[in-house]
PDB file of N, CA and C in Angstrom:
ATOM      1  N   UNK A   1       5.219  16.321   9.081  1.00  0.00           N
ATOM      2  CA  UNK A   1       5.001  15.118   9.826  1.00  0.00           C
ATOM      3  C   UNK A   1       4.618  13.979   8.796  1.00  0.00           C
ATOM      4  N   UNK A   2       5.167  12.887   8.857  1.00  0.00           N
ATOM      5  CA  UNK A   2       4.940  11.752   7.917  1.00  0.00           C
ATOM      6  C   UNK A   2       3.741  10.968   8.476  1.00  0.00           C
ATOM      7  N   UNK A   3       3.032  10.355   7.513  1.00  0.00           N
ATOM      8  CA  UNK A   3       1.933   9.620   7.823  1.00  0.00           C
ATOM      9  C   UNK A   3       2.048   8.137   7.068  1.00  0.00           C
ATOM     10  N   UNK A   4       1.692   7.194   7.837  1.00  0.00           N
ATOM     11  CA  UNK A   4       1.558   5.835   7.230  1.00  0.00           C
ATOM     12  C   UNK A   4       0.042   5.732   6.960  1.00  0.00           C
ATOM     13  N   UNK A   5      -0.336   5.627   5.655  1.00  0.00           N
ATOM     14  CA  UNK A   5      -1.641   5.347   5.144  1.00  0.00           C
ATOM     15  C   UNK A   5      -1.882   3.907   5.063  1.00  0.00           C
ATOM     16  N   UNK A   6      -2.881   3.321   5.745  1.00  0.00           N
ATOM     17  CA  UNK A   6      -3.207   1.844   5.754  1.00  0.00           C
ATOM     18  C   UNK A   6      -4.458   1.723   4.943  1.00  0.00           C
ATOM     19  N   UNK A   7      -4.395   1.021   3.796  1.00  0.00           N
ATOM     20  CA  UNK A   7      -5.472   0.722   3.006  1.00  0.00           C
ATOM     21  C   UNK A   7      -5.808  -0.706   2.946  1.00  0.00           C
ATOM     22  N   UNK A   8      -6.988  -1.132   3.286  1.00  0.00           N
ATOM     23  CA  UNK A   8      -7.418  -2.504   3.294  1.00  0.00           C
ATOM     24  C   UNK A   8      -8.624  -2.792   2.474  1.00  0.00           C
ATOM     25  N   UNK A   9      -9.146  -1.780   1.803  1.00  0.00           N
ATOM     26  CA  UNK A   9     -10.306  -2.003   0.866  1.00  0.00           C
ATOM     27  C   UNK A   9      -9.904  -2.499  -0.501  1.00  0.00           C
ATOM     28  N   UNK A  10     -10.852  -3.190  -1.140  1.00  0.00           N
ATOM     29  CA  UNK A  10     -10.525  -3.628  -2.426  1.00  0.00           C
ATOM     30  C   UNK A  10     -10.288  -2.552  -3.409  1.00  0.00           C
ATOM     31  N   UNK A  11      -9.387  -2.768  -4.401  1.00  0.00           N
ATOM     32  CA  UNK A  11      -9.051  -1.668  -5.367  1.00  0.00           C
ATOM     33  C   UNK A  11     -10.174  -1.384  -6.287  1.00  0.00           C
ATOM     34  N   UNK A  12     -11.277  -2.239  -6.267  1.00  0.00           N
ATOM     35  CA  UNK A  12     -12.433  -1.960  -7.033  1.00  0.00           C
ATOM     36  C   UNK A  12     -13.053  -0.575  -6.634  1.00  0.00           C
ATOM     37  N   UNK A  13     -12.711  -0.100  -5.436  1.00  0.00           N
ATOM     38  CA  UNK A  13     -13.214   1.193  -4.917  1.00  0.00           C
ATOM     39  C   UNK A  13     -12.064   2.174  -5.467  1.00  0.00           C
ATOM     40  N   UNK A  14     -12.098   2.553  -6.648  1.00  0.00           N
ATOM     41  CA  UNK A  14     -11.031   3.272  -7.254  1.00  0.00           C
ATOM     42  C   UNK A  14     -11.011   4.721  -6.660  1.00  0.00           C
ATOM     43  N   UNK A  15     -12.234   5.169  -6.239  1.00  0.00           N
ATOM     44  CA  UNK A  15     -12.277   6.529  -5.699  1.00  0.00           C
ATOM     45  C   UNK A  15     -11.465   6.623  -4.342  1.00  0.00           C
ATOM     46  N   UNK A  16     -11.523   5.658  -3.535  1.00  0.00           N
ATOM     47  CA  UNK A  16     -10.896   5.552  -2.241  1.00  0.00           C
ATOM     48  C   UNK A  16      -9.244   5.491  -2.539  1.00  0.00           C
ATOM     49  N   UNK A  17      -8.814   4.724  -3.457  1.00  0.00           N
ATOM     50  CA  UNK A  17      -7.370   4.641  -3.681  1.00  0.00           C
ATOM     51  C   UNK A  17      -6.966   6.003  -4.251  1.00  0.00           C
ATOM     52  N   UNK A  18      -7.757   6.592  -5.169  1.00  0.00           N
ATOM     53  CA  UNK A  18      -7.306   7.855  -5.732  1.00  0.00           C
ATOM     54  C   UNK A  18      -7.242   9.017  -4.634  1.00  0.00           C
ATOM     55  N   UNK A  19      -8.226   8.946  -3.754  1.00  0.00           N
ATOM     56  CA  UNK A  19      -8.296   9.955  -2.704  1.00  0.00           C
ATOM     57  C   UNK A  19      -7.024   9.775  -1.796  1.00  0.00           C
ATOM     58  N   UNK A  20      -6.732   8.494  -1.481  1.00  0.00           N
ATOM     59  CA  UNK A  20      -5.598   8.269  -0.568  1.00  0.00           C
ATOM     60  C   UNK A  20      -4.312   8.797  -1.293  1.00  0.00           C
ATOM     61  N   UNK A  21      -4.055   8.422  -2.442  1.00  0.00           N
ATOM     62  CA  UNK A  21      -2.937   8.749  -3.284  1.00  0.00           C
ATOM     63  C   UNK A  21      -2.736  10.321  -3.345  1.00  0.00           C
ATOM     64  N   UNK A  22      -3.885  11.080  -3.516  1.00  0.00           N
ATOM     65  CA  UNK A  22      -3.929  12.447  -3.722  1.00  0.00           C
ATOM     66  C   UNK A  22      -3.589  13.106  -2.337  1.00  0.00           C
ATOM     67  N   UNK A  23      -3.888  12.617  -1.273  1.00  0.00           N
ATOM     68  CA  UNK A  23      -3.596  13.164   0.007  1.00  0.00           C
ATOM     69  C   UNK A  23      -2.152  12.871   0.520  1.00  0.00           C
ATOM     70  N   UNK A  24      -1.505  11.928  -0.142  1.00  0.00           N
ATOM     71  CA  UNK A  24      -0.223  11.665   0.383  1.00  0.00           C
ATOM     72  C   UNK A  24       0.888  12.625   0.103  1.00  0.00           C
ATOM     73  N   UNK A  25       1.832  12.811   1.032  1.00  0.00           N
ATOM     74  CA  UNK A  25       2.832  13.696   0.873  1.00  0.00           C
ATOM     75  C   UNK A  25       4.233  13.048   0.798  1.00  0.00           C
ATOM     76  N   UNK A  26       5.220  13.716   0.299  1.00  0.00           N
ATOM     77  CA  UNK A  26       6.634  13.133   0.240  1.00  0.00           C
ATOM     78  C   UNK A  26       7.014  12.607   1.690  1.00  0.00           C
ATOM     79  N   UNK A  27       7.595  11.392   1.665  1.00  0.00           N
ATOM     80  CA  UNK A  27       7.985  10.902   2.916  1.00  0.00           C
ATOM     81  C   UNK A  27       6.888  10.006   3.599  1.00  0.00           C
ATOM     82  N   UNK A  28       5.698   9.993   3.133  1.00  0.00           N
ATOM     83  CA  UNK A  28       4.660   9.274   3.648  1.00  0.00           C
ATOM     84  C   UNK A  28       4.822   7.760   3.222  1.00  0.00           C
ATOM     85  N   UNK A  29       4.065   6.895   3.877  1.00  0.00           N
ATOM     86  CA  UNK A  29       4.159   5.550   3.428  1.00  0.00           C
ATOM     87  C   UNK A  29       2.692   5.003   3.167  1.00  0.00           C
ATOM     88  N   UNK A  30       2.568   3.955   2.299  1.00  0.00           N
ATOM     89  CA  UNK A  30       1.289   3.373   1.981  1.00  0.00           C
ATOM     90  C   UNK A  30       1.381   1.865   2.308  1.00  0.00           C
ATOM     91  N   UNK A  31       0.603   1.384   3.162  1.00  0.00           N
ATOM     92  CA  UNK A  31       0.573  -0.069   3.648  1.00  0.00           C
ATOM     93  C   UNK A  31      -0.680  -0.691   3.004  1.00  0.00           C
ATOM     94  N   UNK A  32      -0.452  -1.657   2.067  1.00  0.00           N
ATOM     95  CA  UNK A  32      -1.685  -2.418   1.518  1.00  0.00           C
ATOM     96  C   UNK A  32      -1.761  -3.704   2.343  1.00  0.00           C
ATOM     97  N   UNK A  33      -3.015  -3.910   2.778  1.00  0.00           N
ATOM     98  CA  UNK A  33      -3.261  -5.128   3.444  1.00  0.00           C
ATOM     99  C   UNK A  33      -4.688  -5.673   3.074  1.00  0.00           C
ATOM    100  N   UNK A  34      -5.024  -6.842   3.433  1.00  0.00           N
ATOM    101  CA  UNK A  34      -6.329  -7.457   3.167  1.00  0.00           C
ATOM    102  C   UNK A  34      -6.589  -7.415   1.628  1.00  0.00           C
ATOM    103  N   UNK A  35      -7.708  -7.087   1.217  1.00  0.00           N
ATOM    104  CA  UNK A  35      -8.125  -6.996  -0.172  1.00  0.00           C
ATOM    105  C   UNK A  35      -7.327  -5.935  -1.022  1.00  0.00           C
ATOM    106  N   UNK A  36      -6.829  -4.979  -0.310  1.00  0.00           N
ATOM    107  CA  UNK A  36      -6.086  -3.883  -1.009  1.00  0.00           C
ATOM    108  C   UNK A  36      -4.857  -4.438  -1.702  1.00  0.00           C
ATOM    109  N   UNK A  37      -4.285  -5.538  -1.371  1.00  0.00           N
ATOM    110  CA  UNK A  37      -3.126  -6.107  -2.024  1.00  0.00           C
ATOM    111  C   UNK A  37      -3.506  -6.484  -3.485  1.00  0.00           C
ATOM    112  N   UNK A  38      -4.849  -6.663  -3.753  1.00  0.00           N
ATOM    113  CA  UNK A  38      -5.205  -6.970  -5.148  1.00  0.00           C
ATOM    114  C   UNK A  38      -4.684  -5.882  -6.138  1.00  0.00           C
ATOM    115  N   UNK A  39      -4.499  -4.741  -5.571  1.00  0.00           N
ATOM    116  CA  UNK A  39      -4.089  -3.587  -6.450  1.00  0.00           C
ATOM    117  C   UNK A  39      -2.647  -3.829  -7.051  1.00  0.00           C
ATOM    118  N   UNK A  40      -1.987  -4.845  -6.499  1.00  0.00           N
ATOM    119  CA  UNK A  40      -0.629  -5.204  -7.018  1.00  0.00           C
ATOM    120  C   UNK A  40      -0.602  -6.150  -8.144  1.00  0.00           C
ATOM    121  N   UNK A  41      -1.874  -6.626  -8.505  1.00  0.00           N
ATOM    122  CA  UNK A  41      -2.045  -7.506  -9.644  1.00  0.00           C
ATOM    123  C   UNK A  41      -1.533  -6.884 -10.996  1.00  0.00           C
ATOM    124  N   UNK A  42      -0.600  -7.581 -11.679  1.00  0.00           N
ATOM    125  CA  UNK A  42       0.033  -7.114 -12.845  1.00  0.00           C
ATOM    126  C   UNK A  42      -1.042  -6.745 -13.904  1.00  0.00           C
ATOM    127  N   UNK A  43      -0.916  -5.532 -14.424  1.00  0.00           N
ATOM    128  CA  UNK A  43      -1.816  -5.002 -15.444  1.00  0.00           C
ATOM    129  C   UNK A  43      -3.104  -4.383 -14.943  1.00  0.00           C
ATOM    130  N   UNK A  44      -3.295  -4.371 -13.678  1.00  0.00           N
ATOM    131  CA  UNK A  44      -4.567  -3.716 -13.191  1.00  0.00           C
ATOM    132  C   UNK A  44      -4.400  -2.228 -13.217  1.00  0.00           C
ATOM    133  N   UNK A  45      -5.600  -1.570 -13.292  1.00  0.00           N
ATOM    134  CA  UNK A  45      -5.596  -0.082 -13.259  1.00  0.00           C
ATOM    135  C   UNK A  45      -4.953   0.461 -11.917  1.00  0.00           C
ATOM    136  N   UNK A  46      -5.262  -0.285 -10.901  1.00  0.00           N
ATOM    137  CA  UNK A  46      -4.670   0.190  -9.614  1.00  0.00           C
ATOM    138  C   UNK A  46      -3.188   0.001  -9.526  1.00  0.00           C
ATOM    139  N   UNK A  47      -2.723  -1.061 -10.209  1.00  0.00           N
ATOM    140  CA  UNK A  47      -1.310  -1.213 -10.229  1.00  0.00           C
ATOM    141  C   UNK A  47      -0.604  -0.010 -10.971  1.00  0.00           C
ATOM    142  N   UNK A  48      -1.267   0.325 -12.071  1.00  0.00           N
ATOM    143  CA  UNK A  48      -0.704   1.504 -12.782  1.00  0.00           C
ATOM    144  C   UNK A  48      -0.729   2.696 -11.879  1.00  0.00           C
ATOM    145  N   UNK A  49      -1.672   2.879 -11.083  1.00  0.00           N
ATOM    146  CA  UNK A  49      -1.715   4.136 -10.170  1.00  0.00           C
ATOM    147  C   UNK A  49      -0.603   4.074  -9.186  1.00  0.00           C
ATOM    148  N   UNK A  50      -0.446   2.786  -8.596  1.00  0.00           N
ATOM    149  CA  UNK A  50       0.542   2.717  -7.511  1.00  0.00           C
ATOM    150  C   UNK A  50       1.945   2.598  -7.982  1.00  0.00           C
ATOM    151  N   UNK A  51       2.268   1.908  -9.184  1.00  0.00           N
ATOM    152  CA  UNK A  51       3.564   1.585  -9.491  1.00  0.00           C
ATOM    153  C   UNK A  51       4.020   2.373 -10.752  1.00  0.00           C
ATOM    154  N   UNK A  52       3.157   3.001 -11.414  1.00  0.00           N
ATOM    155  CA  UNK A  52       3.518   3.811 -12.625  1.00  0.00           C
ATOM    156  C   UNK A  52       4.116   5.096 -12.195  1.00  0.00           C
ATOM    157  N   UNK A  53       5.184   5.485 -12.989  1.00  0.00           N
ATOM    158  CA  UNK A  53       5.786   6.808 -12.762  1.00  0.00           C
ATOM    159  C   UNK A  53       6.605   6.810 -11.502  1.00  0.00           C
ATOM    160  N   UNK A  54       7.003   8.027 -11.156  1.00  0.00           N
ATOM    161  CA  UNK A  54       7.752   8.354 -10.031  1.00  0.00           C
ATOM    162  C   UNK A  54       6.799   8.558  -8.771  1.00  0.00           C
ATOM    163  N   UNK A  55       7.164   8.087  -7.704  1.00  0.00           N
ATOM    164  CA  UNK A  55       6.423   8.310  -6.457  1.00  0.00           C
ATOM    165  C   UNK A  55       7.286   8.792  -5.460  1.00  0.00           C
ATOM    166  N   UNK A  56       6.701   9.655  -4.561  1.00  0.00           N
ATOM    167  CA  UNK A  56       7.499  10.224  -3.402  1.00  0.00           C
ATOM    168  C   UNK A  56       7.131   9.577  -2.037  1.00  0.00           C
ATOM    169  N   UNK A  57       6.508   8.433  -2.154  1.00  0.00           N
ATOM    170  CA  UNK A  57       6.156   7.727  -0.937  1.00  0.00           C
ATOM    171  C   UNK A  57       6.718   6.288  -0.966  1.00  0.00           C
ATOM    172  N   UNK A  58       6.824   5.667   0.184  1.00  0.00           N
ATOM    173  CA  UNK A  58       7.231   4.237   0.233  1.00  0.00           C
ATOM    174  C   UNK A  58       6.031   3.358   0.297  1.00  0.00           C
ATOM    175  N   UNK A  59       6.003   2.297  -0.550  1.00  0.00           N
ATOM    176  CA  UNK A  59       4.940   1.332  -0.734  1.00  0.00           C
ATOM    177  C   UNK A  59       5.251   0.067  -0.058  1.00  0.00           C
ATOM    178  N   UNK A  60       4.346  -0.355   0.913  1.00  0.00           N
ATOM    179  CA  UNK A  60       4.578  -1.563   1.662  1.00  0.00           C
ATOM    180  C   UNK A  60       3.309  -2.507   1.502  1.00  0.00           C
ATOM    181  N   UNK A  61       3.473  -3.757   1.643  1.00  0.00           N
ATOM    182  CA  UNK A  61       2.277  -4.722   1.481  1.00  0.00           C
ATOM    183  C   UNK A  61       2.562  -5.743   2.584  1.00  0.00           C
ATOM    184  N   UNK A  62       1.471  -6.312   3.204  1.00  0.00           N
ATOM    185  CA  UNK A  62       1.496  -7.285   4.136  1.00  0.00           C
ATOM    186  C   UNK A  62       1.766  -8.609   3.361  1.00  0.00           C
ATOM    187  N   UNK A  63       2.949  -9.101   3.624  1.00  0.00           N
ATOM    188  CA  UNK A  63       3.357 -10.332   2.929  1.00  0.00           C
ATOM    189  C   UNK A  63       2.337 -11.535   3.062  1.00  0.00           C
ATOM    190  N   UNK A  64       1.792 -11.763   4.157  1.00  0.00           N
ATOM    191  CA  UNK A  64       0.793 -12.893   4.335  1.00  0.00           C
ATOM    192  C   UNK A  64      -0.425 -12.641   3.386  1.00  0.00           C
ATOM    193  N   UNK A  65      -0.840 -11.431   3.261  1.00  0.00           N
ATOM    194  CA  UNK A  65      -1.956 -11.185   2.325  1.00  0.00           C
ATOM    195  C   UNK A  65      -1.613 -11.300   0.831  1.00  0.00           C
ATOM    196  N   UNK A  66      -0.351 -10.832   0.471  1.00  0.00           N
ATOM    197  CA  UNK A  66       0.112 -11.031  -0.802  1.00  0.00           C
ATOM    198  C   UNK A  66       0.194 -12.491  -1.248  1.00  0.00           C
ATOM    199  N   UNK A  67       0.755 -13.334  -0.375  1.00  0.00           N
ATOM    200  CA  UNK A  67       0.951 -14.741  -0.605  1.00  0.00           C
ATOM    201  C   UNK A  67      -0.302 -15.467  -0.637  1.00  0.00           C
ATOM    202  N   UNK A  68      -1.225 -15.028   0.251  1.00  0.00           N
ATOM    203  CA  UNK A  68      -2.578 -15.749   0.254  1.00  0.00           C
ATOM    204  C   UNK A  68      -3.441 -15.557  -0.981  1.00  0.00           C
ATOM    205  N   UNK A  69      -3.093 -14.452  -1.669  1.00  0.00           N
ATOM    206  CA  UNK A  69      -3.877 -14.189  -2.872  1.00  0.00           C
ATOM    207  C   UNK A  69      -3.078 -14.565  -4.121  1.00  0.00           C
ATOM    208  N   UNK A  70      -1.893 -15.179  -4.011  1.00  0.00           N
ATOM    209  CA  UNK A  70      -1.162 -15.673  -5.128  1.00  0.00           C
ATOM    210  C   UNK A  70      -0.607 -14.618  -6.048  1.00  0.00           C
ATOM    211  N   UNK A  71      -0.214 -13.484  -5.396  1.00  0.00           N
ATOM    212  CA  UNK A  71       0.289 -12.354  -6.154  1.00  0.00           C
ATOM    213  C   UNK A  71       1.802 -12.427  -6.237  1.00  0.00           C
ATOM    214  N   UNK A  72       2.403 -12.432  -7.386  1.00  0.00           N
ATOM    215  CA  UNK A  72       3.817 -12.434  -7.563  1.00  0.00           C
ATOM    216  C   UNK A  72       4.392 -11.038  -7.394  1.00  0.00           C
ATOM    217  N   UNK A  73       4.899 -10.742  -6.170  1.00  0.00           N
ATOM    218  CA  UNK A  73       5.454  -9.393  -5.906  1.00  0.00           C
ATOM    219  C   UNK A  73       6.863  -9.270  -6.034  1.00  0.00           C
ATOM    220  N   UNK A  74       7.552 -10.315  -6.605  1.00  0.00           N
ATOM    221  CA  UNK A  74       8.919 -10.339  -6.745  1.00  0.00           C
ATOM    222  C   UNK A  74       9.446  -9.141  -7.587  1.00  0.00           C
ATOM    223  N   UNK A  75       8.719  -8.890  -8.780  1.00  0.00           N
ATOM    224  CA  UNK A  75       9.160  -7.908  -9.724  1.00  0.00           C
ATOM    225  C   UNK A  75       8.584  -6.523  -9.327  1.00  0.00           C
ATOM    226  N   UNK A  76       7.870  -6.404  -8.350  1.00  0.00           N
ATOM    227  CA  UNK A  76       7.257  -5.142  -7.967  1.00  0.00           C
ATOM    228  C   UNK A  76       8.104  -4.280  -7.031  1.00  0.00           C
ATOM    229  N   UNK A  77       7.989  -2.925  -7.117  1.00  0.00           N
ATOM    230  CA  UNK A  77       8.767  -2.167  -6.258  1.00  0.00           C
ATOM    231  C   UNK A  77       7.923  -1.928  -4.959  1.00  0.00           C
ATOM    232  N   UNK A  78       7.781  -3.002  -4.231  1.00  0.00           N
ATOM    233  CA  UNK A  78       6.976  -2.839  -3.010  1.00  0.00           C
ATOM    234  C   UNK A  78       7.760  -3.631  -1.934  1.00  0.00           C
ATOM    235  N   UNK A  79       7.769  -3.095  -0.724  1.00  0.00           N
ATOM    236  CA  UNK A  79       8.439  -3.741   0.410  1.00  0.00           C
ATOM    237  C   UNK A  79       7.353  -4.600   1.034  1.00  0.00           C
ATOM    238  N   UNK A  80       7.642  -5.972   1.090  1.00  0.00           N
ATOM    239  CA  UNK A  80       6.774  -6.828   1.749  1.00  0.00           C
ATOM    240  C   UNK A  80       7.145  -6.941   3.246  1.00  0.00           C
ATOM    241  N   UNK A  81       6.108  -6.816   4.180  1.00  0.00           N
ATOM    242  CA  UNK A  81       6.429  -6.768   5.639  1.00  0.00           C
ATOM    243  C   UNK A  81       5.539  -7.914   6.293  1.00  0.00           C
ATOM    244  N   UNK A  82       6.008  -8.442   7.414  1.00  0.00           N
ATOM    245  CA  UNK A  82       5.230  -9.323   8.228  1.00  0.00           C
ATOM    246  C   UNK A  82       4.548  -8.422   9.314  1.00  0.00           C
ATOM    247  N   UNK A  83       3.843  -9.031  10.242  1.00  0.00           N
ATOM    248  CA  UNK A  83       2.987  -8.305  11.182  1.00  0.00           C
ATOM    249  C   UNK A  83       3.878  -7.538  12.155  1.00  0.00           C
ATOM    250  N   UNK A  84       5.018  -8.123  12.724  1.00  0.00           N
ATOM    251  CA  UNK A  84       5.842  -7.327  13.544  1.00  0.00           C
ATOM    252  C   UNK A  84       6.390  -6.075  12.899  1.00  0.00           C
ATOM    253  N   UNK A  85       6.775  -6.205  11.568  1.00  0.00           N
ATOM    254  CA  UNK A  85       7.268  -5.122  10.897  1.00  0.00           C
ATOM    255  C   UNK A  85       6.255  -4.015  10.657  1.00  0.00           C
ATOM    256  N   UNK A  86       4.985  -4.460  10.496  1.00  0.00           N
ATOM    257  CA  UNK A  86       3.788  -3.561  10.276  1.00  0.00           C
ATOM    258  C   UNK A  86       3.568  -2.713  11.588  1.00  0.00           C
ATOM    259  N   UNK A  87       3.728  -3.325  12.665  1.00  0.00           N
ATOM    260  CA  UNK A  87       3.674  -2.714  13.978  1.00  0.00           C
ATOM    261  C   UNK A  87       4.779  -1.681  14.139  1.00  0.00           C
ATOM    262  N   UNK A  88       5.996  -2.104  13.755  1.00  0.00           N
ATOM    263  CA  UNK A  88       7.157  -1.224  13.721  1.00  0.00           C
ATOM    264  C   UNK A  88       6.900   0.081  12.932  1.00  0.00           C
ATOM    265  N   UNK A  89       6.369  -0.125  11.736  1.00  0.00           N
ATOM    266  CA  UNK A  89       6.005   0.974  10.867  1.00  0.00           C
ATOM    267  C   UNK A  89       5.070   1.923  11.531  1.00  0.00           C
ATOM    268  N   UNK A  90       4.060   1.397  12.116  1.00  0.00           N
ATOM    269  CA  UNK A  90       3.046   2.224  12.885  1.00  0.00           C
ATOM    270  C   UNK A  90       3.671   3.156  13.890  1.00  0.00           C
ATOM    271  N   UNK A  91       4.755   2.614  14.542  1.00  0.00           N
ATOM    272  CA  UNK A  91       5.483   3.298  15.513  1.00  0.00           C
ATOM    273  C   UNK A  91       6.298   4.388  14.892  1.00  0.00           C
ATOM    274  N   UNK A  92       7.033   3.978  13.743  1.00  0.00           N
ATOM    275  CA  UNK A  92       8.022   4.858  13.123  1.00  0.00           C
ATOM    276  C   UNK A  92       7.412   6.004  12.499  1.00  0.00           C
ATOM    277  N   UNK A  93       6.252   6.001  11.924  1.00  0.00           N
ATOM    278  CA  UNK A  93       5.626   7.187  11.259  1.00  0.00           C
ATOM    279  C   UNK A  93       4.967   7.979  12.423  1.00  0.00           C
ATOM    280  N   UNK A  94       4.852   9.297  12.155  1.00  0.00           N
ATOM    281  CA  UNK A  94       4.289  10.216  13.145  1.00  0.00           C
ATOM    282  C   UNK A  94       2.786   9.912  13.288  1.00  0.00           C
ATOM    283  N   UNK A  95       2.116   9.637  12.216  1.00  0.00           N
ATOM    284  CA  UNK A  95       0.622   9.333  12.286  1.00  0.00           C
ATOM    285  C   UNK A  95       0.349   8.135  11.507  1.00  0.00           C
ATOM    286  N   UNK A  96      -0.847   7.583  11.773  1.00  0.00           N
ATOM    287  CA  UNK A  96      -1.408   6.428  10.995  1.00  0.00           C
ATOM    288  C   UNK A  96      -2.810   6.789  10.595  1.00  0.00           C
ATOM    289  N   UNK A  97      -2.981   6.609   9.270  1.00  0.00           N
ATOM    290  CA  UNK A  97      -4.408   7.007   8.889  1.00  0.00           C
ATOM    291  C   UNK A  97      -4.906   5.781   8.193  1.00  0.00           C
ATOM    292  N   UNK A  98      -6.055   5.231   8.652  1.00  0.00           N
ATOM    293  CA  UNK A  98      -6.655   3.988   8.057  1.00  0.00           C
ATOM    294  C   UNK A  98      -7.730   4.281   7.066  1.00  0.00           C
ATOM    295  N   UNK A  99      -7.642   3.701   5.901  1.00  0.00           N
ATOM    296  CA  UNK A  99      -8.683   3.835   4.836  1.00  0.00           C
ATOM    297  C   UNK A  99      -9.491   2.575   4.727  1.00  0.00           C
ATOM    298  N   UNK A 100     -10.618   2.621   5.380  1.00  0.00           N
ATOM    299  CA  UNK A 100     -11.479   1.320   5.371  1.00  0.00           C
ATOM    300  C   UNK A 100     -12.767   1.569   4.734  1.00  0.00           C
TER     301      UNK A 100
END
């Protein structure tokens, strides 16, 4: 069963991000929203965790939050979604797990 993991906490909480990534399975999705999109900042340790190497999960970020924080996500391998698409993802995955 696939799970959409929703992370909205600041990436300064590295333990939470690491725990989330450790519990993810192939086919799961990770949605970054709120302060969690800071993890996409180029060169950050969190970006290395999320974007480095091969991953077996789909990475999403709430476009409004990415734009509000001035993050250039064009070169990142992340799917930007709006609120209606976020709701659709919650329906598409079998489970939703919020990390707050």
